[in-house]
């Protein structure tokens, strides 16, 4: 994973680095990385005109260092403090370097106007964007590219920051970010953490039990079961409470008859041969559901994924925490979208989706996958995995049901902990959508695309679009002191 650290964590990392390395050395490394990217964006330096907005802090120092490098390569560079900047930056400027303010900025920024077509390179984070939430504090410049150092900042992967940062280049300058508690999921994580089936595997070694749907409303059950099957479950058992056996969805899933009420004991009996349980999509809002769900969780010896109508039945606050703590397996995973999150937490997630997921996970004792343009998965211990590979084509009914089935399959395939299973499933779900139609993608298209993408990544040739801020691979220029990488929008 690509590490993510908050502004407070980065201050501590910087302080630790300064005990080993001089500040001038770190500034030189950062400025060199910025200068290299500026040259790449302009296709050279000689004769190019560069406008550098440089503040008084370390961010400005990095910008001034880059300015000296560019001038030495023959560029015509003008360095201006942000409070003295002209109202408009006009052609023939070839590049604007935004080094006005860094991760410690507070207040509101009203950046100068830049003529259309002049590219902007931001240093660490676009000035005026909150490093922790991604909120635009005033009117920041939208960058075409951002060079950030050591680790990503939460504000680069969520809220306005995802759009304002442009493509992101991660420059290693000798900062130790090995203890980061958050990370951005990459394709390589799927390969390294989702083990191939062993030679002695059999269908029950990765079996998933899906409890979903209701009489006359079988679409969600079908999507969840198909998602589990195509994500590698060797066996899918599907139970629809109250649905006659002859009406259960046809397909690879083995149908299990469940009574309309009081079905938890039967589900627990079936689950003895399964490796995970997925419950909730399309179950409806019956008065009996909450009691059956609590009984199921209290008796489950395997991980339980709760989605959709199951989330509505869980309650909130102390009731939710008590239900989660009753699970013998100790592994309950909740998958809310924003509206479901509000019912569970008592308030909307707000702009800082990372903090929101961490809060609910800590309060409930469950692993939480908060769905959205930036999907965040948080463990009760505060570990976080972030997925930015999604795209608007997934904003259609039923795709979340497919995801819940996929999570069940990854749990059944022994991806541990539940944090990893949920985050990898969300990443694969999003990447698979990139193989589909740009317009008119439907939930029933997704399971087969999931199998195709997983097969391709196993063979070393993943395909599909990465989404607005997905990882597109490493291609960064090396800089002194560590690794560099670039991923595009």
Protein backbone atom coordinates (compact mmCIF):
# COMPACT_ATOMS: atom_id res chain seq x y z
CA UNK A 1 0.00 0.00 0.00
CA UNK A 2 1.00 3.62 -0.45
CA UNK A 3 1.28 5.15 3.04
CA UNK A 4 -1.05 7.95 4.15
CA UNK A 5 -0.32 10.15 7.17
CA UNK A 6 -2.15 13.04 8.78
CA UNK A 7 -0.61 16.49 9.13
CA UNK A 8 0.10 15.82 12.83
CA UNK A 9 1.76 12.51 11.99
CA UNK A 10 3.82 14.19 9.30
CA UNK A 11 5.05 16.83 11.75
CA UNK A 12 6.29 14.05 14.01
CA UNK A 13 7.93 12.28 11.06
CA UNK A 14 9.62 15.52 10.00
CA UNK A 15 10.89 16.09 13.54
CA UNK A 16 12.33 12.59 13.66
CA UNK A 17 14.00 13.07 10.27
CA UNK A 18 15.61 16.31 11.44
CA UNK A 19 17.39 14.40 14.19
CA UNK A 20 19.21 12.45 11.48
CA UNK A 21 19.33 14.86 8.55
CA UNK A 22 19.75 18.63 8.25
CA UNK A 23 16.81 20.75 7.21
CA UNK A 24 18.77 22.11 4.25
CA UNK A 25 19.30 18.56 2.97
CA UNK A 26 15.61 17.71 3.19
CA UNK A 27 14.68 20.96 1.44
CA UNK A 28 17.22 20.21 -1.30
CA UNK A 29 15.74 16.77 -1.85
CA UNK A 30 12.18 18.11 -1.96
CA UNK A 31 13.09 21.03 -4.21
CA UNK A 32 14.94 18.70 -6.57
CA UNK A 33 11.86 16.48 -6.85
CA UNK A 34 9.70 19.52 -7.64
CA UNK A 35 12.21 20.79 -10.18
CA UNK A 36 12.35 17.44 -11.98
CA UNK A 37 8.58 17.33 -12.24
CA UNK A 38 8.47 20.91 -13.51
CA UNK A 39 10.92 20.00 -16.27
CA UNK A 40 8.86 16.94 -17.13
CA UNK A 41 5.65 18.99 -17.34
CA UNK A 42 7.24 21.64 -19.57
CA UNK A 43 9.22 19.21 -21.71
CA UNK A 44 12.46 20.96 -20.76
CA UNK A 45 13.73 24.00 -18.88
CA UNK A 46 15.79 26.20 -21.19
CA UNK A 47 13.90 29.32 -22.17
CA UNK A 48 10.76 28.31 -20.31
CA UNK A 49 8.99 30.91 -18.14
CA UNK A 50 8.11 29.76 -14.63
CA UNK A 51 6.11 31.63 -11.99
CA UNK A 52 6.73 30.39 -8.43
CA UNK A 53 4.38 31.32 -5.58
CA UNK A 54 6.62 30.79 -2.54
CA UNK A 55 5.49 31.29 1.05
CA UNK A 56 7.61 31.82 4.15
CA UNK A 57 7.58 28.25 5.50
CA UNK A 58 9.15 24.99 4.41
CA UNK A 59 6.72 24.73 1.50
CA UNK A 60 8.04 28.02 0.16
CA UNK A 61 11.62 26.88 0.77
CA UNK A 62 10.98 23.83 -1.40
CA UNK A 63 9.59 26.08 -4.12
CA UNK A 64 12.57 28.44 -3.98
CA UNK A 65 14.96 25.48 -4.20
CA UNK A 66 13.10 24.24 -7.28
CA UNK A 67 13.31 27.76 -8.73
CA UNK A 68 17.11 27.77 -8.38
CA UNK A 69 17.34 24.38 -10.10
CA UNK A 70 15.17 25.57 -12.98
CA UNK A 71 17.11 28.81 -13.35
CA UNK A 72 20.35 26.84 -13.47
CA UNK A 73 18.85 24.84 -16.35
CA UNK A 74 18.09 28.01 -18.29
CA UNK A 75 14.52 28.76 -17.28
CA UNK A 76 13.32 32.30 -16.68
CA UNK A 77 11.96 32.13 -13.14
CA UNK A 78 10.01 34.68 -11.15
CA UNK A 79 9.52 33.99 -7.42
CA UNK A 80 6.70 35.92 -5.74
CA UNK A 81 5.34 35.77 -2.16
CA UNK A 82 1.66 34.75 -2.18
CA UNK A 83 0.51 37.99 -0.55
CA UNK A 84 2.20 40.01 -3.32
CA UNK A 85 1.03 37.89 -6.19
CA UNK A 86 -0.60 39.68 -9.13
CA UNK A 87 -4.30 39.32 -9.62
CA UNK A 88 -3.74 37.34 -12.79
CA UNK A 89 -0.94 35.15 -14.12
CA UNK A 90 -0.95 35.42 -17.89
CA UNK A 91 0.82 33.92 -20.83
CA UNK A 92 3.58 33.55 -21.90
CA UNK A 93 4.12 31.82 -18.51
CA UNK A 94 4.75 28.11 -19.13
CA UNK A 95 4.21 26.82 -15.59
CA UNK A 96 3.01 27.99 -12.19
CA UNK A 97 4.60 26.33 -9.15
CA UNK A 98 2.27 26.57 -6.14
CA UNK A 99 4.55 26.55 -3.08
CA UNK A 100 2.56 29.18 -1.19
CA UNK A 101 1.37 27.14 1.79
CA UNK A 102 1.73 23.51 2.84
CA UNK A 103 0.00 21.06 5.15
CA UNK A 104 -0.07 23.47 8.10
CA UNK A 105 -2.21 26.11 6.37
CA UNK A 106 -5.13 27.62 8.28
CA UNK A 107 -7.63 30.25 7.20
CA UNK A 108 -8.81 30.89 3.67
CA UNK A 109 -6.78 31.26 0.50
CA UNK A 110 -7.81 33.34 -2.48
CA UNK A 111 -5.31 32.35 -5.12
CA UNK A 112 -4.44 34.54 -8.09
CA UNK A 113 -6.24 33.86 -11.34
CA UNK A 114 -4.26 31.82 -13.86
CA UNK A 115 -4.97 32.02 -17.58
CA UNK A 116 -6.51 28.83 -19.02
CA UNK A 117 -3.93 26.47 -20.44
CA UNK A 118 -1.12 27.37 -18.01
CA UNK A 119 -0.30 24.21 -16.05
CA UNK A 120 0.02 24.32 -12.26
CA UNK A 121 2.39 22.18 -10.19
CA UNK A 122 1.55 22.06 -6.47
CA UNK A 123 4.16 21.39 -3.78
CA UNK A 124 3.05 18.78 -1.20
CA UNK A 125 -0.65 19.75 -1.42
CA UNK A 126 -2.49 22.50 -3.32
CA UNK A 127 -2.32 25.63 -1.15
CA UNK A 128 -5.61 26.22 0.62
CA UNK A 129 -6.62 22.54 0.75
CA UNK A 130 -6.92 20.99 4.20
CA UNK A 131 -4.28 18.27 4.48
CA UNK A 132 -6.54 16.16 6.67
CA UNK A 133 -10.03 16.57 5.21
CA UNK A 134 -9.43 17.68 1.61
CA UNK A 135 -11.76 20.65 2.05
CA UNK A 136 -11.04 23.72 -0.08
CA UNK A 137 -10.35 26.56 2.35
CA UNK A 138 -11.26 29.51 0.17
CA UNK A 139 -10.39 29.42 -3.53
CA UNK A 140 -7.26 27.28 -4.08
CA UNK A 141 -5.54 26.83 -7.42
CA UNK A 142 -6.44 23.57 -9.14
CA UNK A 143 -3.19 21.75 -9.84
CA UNK A 144 -2.45 19.61 -12.85
CA UNK A 145 0.10 17.72 -10.77
CA UNK A 146 1.08 17.61 -7.11
CA UNK A 147 4.44 16.46 -5.75
CA UNK A 148 4.01 15.21 -2.19
CA UNK A 149 6.74 13.91 0.10
CA UNK A 150 7.18 10.65 1.96
CA UNK A 151 3.50 9.72 2.13
CA UNK A 152 0.12 10.80 0.87
CA UNK A 153 -1.97 13.16 2.98
CA UNK A 154 -5.66 12.38 3.63
CA UNK A 155 -6.61 15.62 1.87
CA UNK A 156 -5.16 14.30 -1.39
CA UNK A 157 -7.49 11.30 -1.51
CA UNK A 158 -10.82 12.73 -0.37
CA UNK A 159 -13.25 15.62 -0.77
CA UNK A 160 -12.15 18.60 -2.92
CA UNK A 161 -8.49 17.60 -2.65
CA UNK A 162 -8.90 14.63 -4.99
CA UNK A 163 -9.97 16.96 -7.79
CA UNK A 164 -7.68 19.89 -6.98
CA UNK A 165 -4.48 17.83 -6.69
CA UNK A 166 -4.48 16.52 -10.27
CA UNK A 167 -2.06 13.64 -10.82
CA UNK A 168 0.05 12.89 -7.77
CA UNK A 169 3.78 12.17 -7.60
CA UNK A 170 5.12 10.63 -4.39
CA UNK A 171 8.72 11.65 -3.78
CA UNK A 172 10.85 9.83 -1.24
CA UNK A 173 13.17 12.31 0.49
CA UNK A 174 14.40 10.17 3.39
CA UNK A 175 11.36 10.31 5.68
CA UNK A 176 10.53 7.19 7.69
CA UNK A 177 6.81 6.52 7.11
CA UNK A 178 6.99 2.81 7.93
CA UNK A 179 4.71 3.19 10.94
CA UNK A 180 1.84 4.74 8.97
CA UNK A 181 -1.50 3.34 10.13
CA UNK A 182 -3.23 4.21 6.83
CA UNK A 183 -2.58 3.18 3.26
CA UNK A 184 -3.95 3.47 -0.28
CA UNK A 185 -4.71 0.13 -1.94
CA UNK A 186 -2.85 -0.76 -5.15
CA UNK A 187 -3.24 -3.55 -7.69
CA UNK A 188 -0.12 -5.20 -6.29
CA UNK A 189 -1.84 -5.59 -2.91
CA UNK A 190 -4.41 -7.86 -4.53
CA UNK A 191 -1.67 -10.10 -5.90
CA UNK A 192 0.28 -10.24 -2.64
CA UNK A 193 -2.63 -10.65 -0.21
CA UNK A 194 -5.19 -12.71 -2.13
CA UNK A 195 -3.62 -16.15 -2.19
CA UNK A 196 -4.19 -18.51 -5.08
CA UNK A 197 -6.14 -21.64 -4.30
CA UNK A 198 -3.90 -24.40 -2.91
CA UNK A 199 -3.62 -27.70 -4.78
CA UNK A 200 -5.70 -29.49 -2.17
CA UNK A 201 -8.53 -26.91 -2.21
CA UNK A 202 -12.13 -28.11 -2.38
CA UNK A 203 -15.43 -26.29 -2.68
CA UNK A 204 -16.05 -26.11 1.06
CA UNK A 205 -12.66 -24.61 1.83
CA UNK A 206 -13.93 -21.22 0.55
CA UNK A 207 -17.70 -21.56 0.99
CA UNK A 208 -19.89 -18.49 1.56
CA UNK A 209 -23.41 -18.36 2.98
CA UNK A 210 -25.56 -15.52 1.65
CA UNK A 211 -28.79 -14.56 3.42
CA UNK A 212 -30.51 -11.98 1.25
CA UNK A 213 -33.62 -11.08 -0.67
CA UNK A 214 -37.29 -11.59 0.10
CA UNK A 215 -40.25 -13.11 -1.79
CA UNK A 216 -40.71 -11.21 -5.03
CA UNK A 217 -37.52 -9.19 -4.43
CA UNK A 218 -34.71 -11.51 -5.47
CA UNK A 219 -32.39 -9.20 -7.41
CA UNK A 220 -30.19 -8.28 -4.44
CA UNK A 221 -29.83 -11.92 -3.46
CA UNK A 222 -28.79 -12.84 -6.99
CA UNK A 223 -26.22 -10.03 -7.18
CA UNK A 224 -24.64 -10.87 -3.81
CA UNK A 225 -24.44 -14.57 -4.64
CA UNK A 226 -22.94 -13.89 -8.08
CA UNK A 227 -20.41 -11.47 -6.59
CA UNK A 228 -19.28 -14.15 -4.15
CA UNK A 229 -19.05 -16.82 -6.85
CA UNK A 230 -17.05 -14.71 -9.28
CA UNK A 231 -14.71 -13.48 -6.53
CA UNK A 232 -13.61 -17.05 -5.88
CA UNK A 233 -16.03 -18.65 -3.44
CA UNK A 234 -15.91 -22.41 -4.02
CA UNK A 235 -19.48 -22.83 -2.87
CA UNK A 236 -22.27 -20.31 -2.33
CA UNK A 237 -25.27 -21.27 -0.23
CA UNK A 238 -28.17 -18.86 -0.72
CA UNK A 239 -31.09 -18.49 1.65
CA UNK A 240 -34.03 -16.13 1.08
CA UNK A 241 -36.29 -15.97 4.16
CA UNK A 242 -39.86 -16.89 3.31
CA UNK A 243 -39.14 -17.76 -0.32
CA UNK A 244 -40.48 -21.14 -1.55
CA UNK A 245 -37.66 -23.43 -2.74
CA UNK A 246 -38.93 -23.39 -6.32
CA UNK A 247 -38.74 -19.60 -6.47
CA UNK A 248 -35.10 -19.25 -5.39
CA UNK A 249 -32.88 -17.63 -8.04
CA UNK A 250 -31.42 -20.05 -10.54
CA UNK A 251 -27.65 -20.11 -10.86
CA UNK A 252 -24.52 -21.61 -9.36
CA UNK A 253 -25.62 -20.87 -5.78
CA UNK A 254 -27.20 -23.75 -3.90
CA UNK A 255 -30.59 -22.67 -2.60
CA UNK A 256 -31.49 -23.19 1.04
CA UNK A 257 -35.08 -22.97 2.23
CA UNK A 258 -35.56 -20.56 5.14
CA UNK A 259 -38.78 -19.89 6.99
CA UNK A 260 -40.23 -16.40 6.83
CA UNK A 261 -39.53 -15.88 10.53
CA UNK A 262 -37.31 -17.50 13.14
CA UNK A 263 -34.72 -18.51 10.56
CA UNK A 264 -31.52 -17.73 12.51
CA UNK A 265 -31.03 -21.26 13.96
CA UNK A 266 -31.22 -22.80 10.48
CA UNK A 267 -28.76 -20.25 9.10
CA UNK A 268 -26.30 -21.02 11.90
CA UNK A 269 -26.65 -24.73 11.15
CA UNK A 270 -25.85 -24.16 7.46
CA UNK A 271 -22.95 -21.86 8.32
CA UNK A 272 -21.04 -24.65 10.08
CA UNK A 273 -19.62 -25.73 6.73
CA UNK A 274 -19.03 -22.18 5.44
CA UNK A 275 -16.15 -19.76 5.92
CA UNK A 276 -18.16 -16.52 5.98
CA UNK A 277 -21.71 -15.17 6.09
CA UNK A 278 -23.13 -12.27 4.07
CA UNK A 279 -26.45 -10.96 5.29
CA UNK A 280 -28.72 -8.03 4.50
CA UNK A 281 -29.21 -7.14 0.82
CA UNK A 282 -32.90 -7.06 -0.04
CA UNK A 283 -34.12 -8.62 3.23
CA UNK A 284 -36.74 -5.90 3.72
CA UNK A 285 -37.78 -4.32 7.00
CA UNK A 286 -39.78 -7.03 8.81
CA UNK A 287 -40.27 -6.76 12.57
CA UNK A 288 -38.53 -10.12 13.01
CA UNK A 289 -35.36 -9.18 11.15
CA UNK A 290 -33.58 -7.40 14.02
CA UNK A 291 -34.09 -10.32 16.40
CA UNK A 292 -32.90 -12.88 13.84
CA UNK A 293 -29.87 -10.80 12.94
CA UNK A 294 -28.84 -10.44 16.60
CA UNK A 295 -29.26 -14.18 17.14
CA UNK A 296 -27.24 -14.96 14.04
CA UNK A 297 -24.36 -12.67 15.00
CA UNK A 298 -24.36 -14.01 18.57
CA UNK A 299 -23.91 -17.56 17.27
CA UNK A 300 -21.64 -17.00 14.24
CA UNK A 301 -18.32 -18.85 14.38
CA UNK A 302 -17.19 -17.26 11.09
CA UNK A 303 -16.91 -13.63 9.89
CA UNK A 304 -20.23 -11.86 9.22
CA UNK A 305 -20.68 -9.16 6.56
CA UNK A 306 -23.75 -6.98 7.23
CA UNK A 307 -25.06 -4.83 4.39
CA UNK A 308 -28.16 -2.87 3.30
CA UNK A 309 -31.33 -3.89 5.17
CA UNK A 310 -29.20 -5.74 7.69
CA UNK A 311 -27.60 -2.44 8.68
CA UNK A 312 -31.01 -0.84 9.21
CA UNK A 313 -31.90 -3.65 11.64
CA UNK A 314 -28.73 -3.38 13.74
CA UNK A 315 -29.63 -0.24 15.66
CA UNK A 316 -27.03 2.25 16.81
CA UNK A 317 -24.93 3.31 19.76
CA UNK A 318 -24.72 0.89 22.70
CA UNK A 319 -27.18 -1.52 21.06
CA UNK A 320 -24.97 -1.80 17.98
CA UNK A 321 -21.79 -2.26 20.02
CA UNK A 322 -23.42 -4.93 22.20
CA UNK A 323 -24.59 -6.89 19.15
CA UNK A 324 -21.14 -6.75 17.54
CA UNK A 325 -19.38 -7.77 20.77
CA UNK A 326 -21.60 -10.87 21.05
CA UNK A 327 -20.11 -12.44 17.90
CA UNK A 328 -17.97 -15.49 18.82
CA UNK A 329 -15.77 -15.07 15.75
CA UNK A 330 -15.02 -11.48 16.76
CA UNK A 331 -15.25 -10.47 13.11
CA UNK A 332 -18.22 -8.37 12.08
CA UNK A 333 -17.97 -6.11 9.04
CA UNK A 334 -20.41 -3.27 8.28
CA UNK A 335 -20.69 -1.78 4.78
CA UNK A 336 -22.71 1.47 4.99
CA UNK A 337 -23.19 4.18 2.40
CA UNK A 338 -23.61 7.72 3.74
CA UNK A 339 -27.29 7.40 4.65
CA UNK A 340 -26.75 4.09 6.43
CA UNK A 341 -23.74 5.54 8.21
CA UNK A 342 -25.90 8.36 9.57
CA UNK A 343 -28.39 5.89 11.01
CA UNK A 344 -25.62 3.84 12.63
CA UNK A 345 -23.52 6.74 13.95
CA UNK A 346 -26.25 9.30 14.63
CA UNK A 347 -24.75 11.89 12.30
CA UNK A 348 -23.60 12.12 8.65
CA UNK A 349 -19.98 11.23 7.86
CA UNK A 350 -19.00 14.78 6.84
CA UNK A 351 -16.08 15.70 4.58
CA UNK A 352 -13.45 13.69 6.51
CA UNK A 353 -14.51 10.20 5.53
CA UNK A 354 -11.41 8.66 7.04
CA UNK A 355 -12.17 10.10 10.46
CA UNK A 356 -15.82 9.08 10.10
CA UNK A 357 -15.01 5.44 9.36
CA UNK A 358 -12.50 5.31 12.22
CA UNK A 359 -15.08 6.77 14.60
CA UNK A 360 -17.79 4.23 13.77
CA UNK A 361 -15.37 1.31 13.82
CA UNK A 362 -14.08 2.33 17.24
CA UNK A 363 -17.55 2.90 18.68
CA UNK A 364 -19.11 -0.29 17.29
CA UNK A 365 -16.20 -2.70 17.55
CA UNK A 366 -16.78 -3.75 13.93
CA UNK A 367 -14.69 -3.23 10.82
CA UNK A 368 -16.40 -0.50 8.79
CA UNK A 369 -16.37 -0.04 5.02
CA UNK A 370 -17.75 3.43 4.24
CA UNK A 371 -18.77 3.46 0.58
CA UNK A 372 -18.33 6.50 -1.63
CA UNK A 373 -16.11 8.12 -4.29
CA UNK A 374 -13.36 7.57 -1.73
CA UNK A 375 -14.11 4.28 -0.01
CA UNK A 376 -12.60 3.97 3.45
CA UNK A 377 -12.20 0.78 5.46
CA UNK A 378 -11.34 1.12 9.16
CA UNK A 379 -10.67 -1.45 11.86
CA UNK A 380 -11.72 -1.01 15.50
CA UNK A 381 -8.02 -0.50 16.29
CA UNK A 382 -7.80 2.54 13.98
CA UNK A 383 -6.04 0.98 11.00
CA UNK A 384 -7.27 2.33 7.66
CA UNK A 385 -7.18 1.24 4.03
CA UNK A 386 -8.38 3.68 1.37
CA UNK A 387 -9.70 2.90 -2.11
CA UNK A 388 -9.82 5.62 -4.76
CA UNK A 389 -10.23 3.43 -7.85
CA UNK A 390 -14.00 3.91 -8.07
CA UNK A 391 -15.89 5.67 -10.80
CA UNK A 392 -19.40 7.11 -11.29
CA UNK A 393 -20.32 4.13 -13.47
CA UNK A 394 -20.75 2.16 -10.21
CA UNK A 395 -23.54 4.52 -9.11
CA UNK A 396 -26.30 2.14 -10.11
CA UNK A 397 -28.63 -0.14 -8.17
CA UNK A 398 -27.23 -3.50 -7.10
CA UNK A 399 -23.51 -2.86 -7.38
CA UNK A 400 -23.22 -2.65 -3.59
CA UNK A 401 -24.85 -6.09 -3.30
CA UNK A 402 -22.17 -7.48 -5.62
CA UNK A 403 -19.52 -5.91 -3.38
CA UNK A 404 -20.91 -7.50 -0.22
CA UNK A 405 -20.74 -10.93 -1.87
CA UNK A 406 -17.17 -10.26 -2.97
CA UNK A 407 -16.16 -9.35 0.58
CA UNK A 408 -17.66 -12.62 1.79
CA UNK A 409 -15.62 -14.51 -0.82
CA UNK A 410 -12.37 -12.79 0.13
CA UNK A 411 -13.01 -13.57 3.80
CA UNK A 412 -13.69 -17.18 2.85
CA UNK A 413 -10.42 -17.22 0.94
CA UNK A 414 -8.64 -16.34 4.20
CA UNK A 415 -7.74 -12.73 3.47
CA UNK A 416 -6.99 -11.43 6.94
CA UNK A 417 -7.87 -9.33 8.77
CA UNK A 418 -11.41 -8.34 7.69
CA UNK A 419 -9.93 -4.88 7.02
CA UNK A 420 -7.88 -6.34 4.18
CA UNK A 421 -10.67 -8.49 2.75
CA UNK A 422 -13.04 -5.52 2.56
CA UNK A 423 -10.50 -3.10 1.10
CA UNK A 424 -9.20 -5.52 -1.52
CA UNK A 425 -12.76 -6.39 -2.54
CA UNK A 426 -13.65 -2.70 -2.90
CA UNK A 427 -10.54 -2.12 -5.03
CA UNK A 428 -11.23 -5.11 -7.29
CA UNK A 429 -14.91 -4.10 -7.53
CA UNK A 430 -13.90 -0.64 -8.74
CA UNK A 431 -11.18 -1.82 -11.09
CA UNK A 432 -13.47 -4.41 -12.62
CA UNK A 433 -16.00 -1.69 -13.40
CA UNK A 434 -13.31 -0.09 -15.55
CA UNK A 435 -13.54 -3.07 -17.88
CA UNK A 436 -17.23 -2.43 -18.47
CA UNK A 437 -19.23 -0.01 -20.56
CA UNK A 438 -18.68 3.66 -19.82
CA UNK A 439 -22.43 4.19 -20.08
CA UNK A 440 -25.14 1.81 -18.97
CA UNK A 441 -23.08 -0.51 -16.77
CA UNK A 442 -25.48 -2.70 -14.76
CA UNK A 443 -24.98 -4.65 -11.57
CA UNK A 444 -25.40 -7.98 -13.33
CA UNK A 445 -22.45 -7.06 -15.61
CA UNK A 446 -20.07 -6.75 -12.68
CA UNK A 447 -19.50 -10.32 -11.44
CA UNK A 448 -18.09 -11.53 -14.74
CA UNK A 449 -15.93 -8.40 -15.00
CA UNK A 450 -14.62 -9.16 -11.51
CA UNK A 451 -13.52 -12.62 -12.59
CA UNK A 452 -11.91 -11.18 -15.73
CA UNK A 453 -9.97 -8.53 -13.83
CA UNK A 454 -8.78 -10.96 -11.16
CA UNK A 455 -7.63 -13.39 -13.86
CA UNK A 456 -5.76 -10.63 -15.68
CA UNK A 457 -4.01 -9.35 -12.56
CA UNK A 458 -2.90 -12.91 -11.75
CA UNK A 459 -1.29 -13.05 -15.18
CA UNK A 460 0.43 -9.72 -14.65
CA UNK A 461 -1.70 -7.71 -17.06
CA UNK A 462 -4.48 -5.92 -15.18
CA UNK A 463 -6.76 -3.91 -17.43
CA UNK A 464 -9.47 -1.33 -17.00
CA UNK A 465 -9.65 2.31 -16.04
CA UNK A 466 -8.46 3.37 -12.61
CA UNK A 467 -11.09 6.01 -11.93
CA UNK A 468 -10.69 9.65 -10.96
CA UNK A 469 -7.74 9.17 -8.64
CA UNK A 470 -6.86 5.52 -8.97
CA UNK A 471 -3.39 4.07 -9.02
CA UNK A 472 -2.01 3.82 -12.53
CA UNK A 473 1.44 2.45 -11.71
CA UNK A 474 4.81 3.88 -10.80
CA UNK A 475 6.72 5.99 -13.29
CA UNK A 476 8.27 8.73 -11.19
CA UNK A 477 11.73 10.24 -11.47
CA UNK A 478 14.09 9.07 -8.72
CA UNK A 479 15.19 11.74 -6.26
CA UNK A 480 17.81 11.60 -3.53
CA UNK A 481 16.76 9.85 -0.35
CA UNK A 482 14.12 7.35 -1.44
CA UNK A 483 11.60 6.08 -3.94
CA UNK A 484 9.32 8.08 -6.19
CA UNK A 485 6.13 7.18 -7.92
CA UNK A 486 3.35 8.71 -9.96
CA UNK A 487 -0.26 7.83 -10.41
CA UNK A 488 -2.69 9.64 -12.63
CA UNK A 489 -6.25 10.82 -12.54
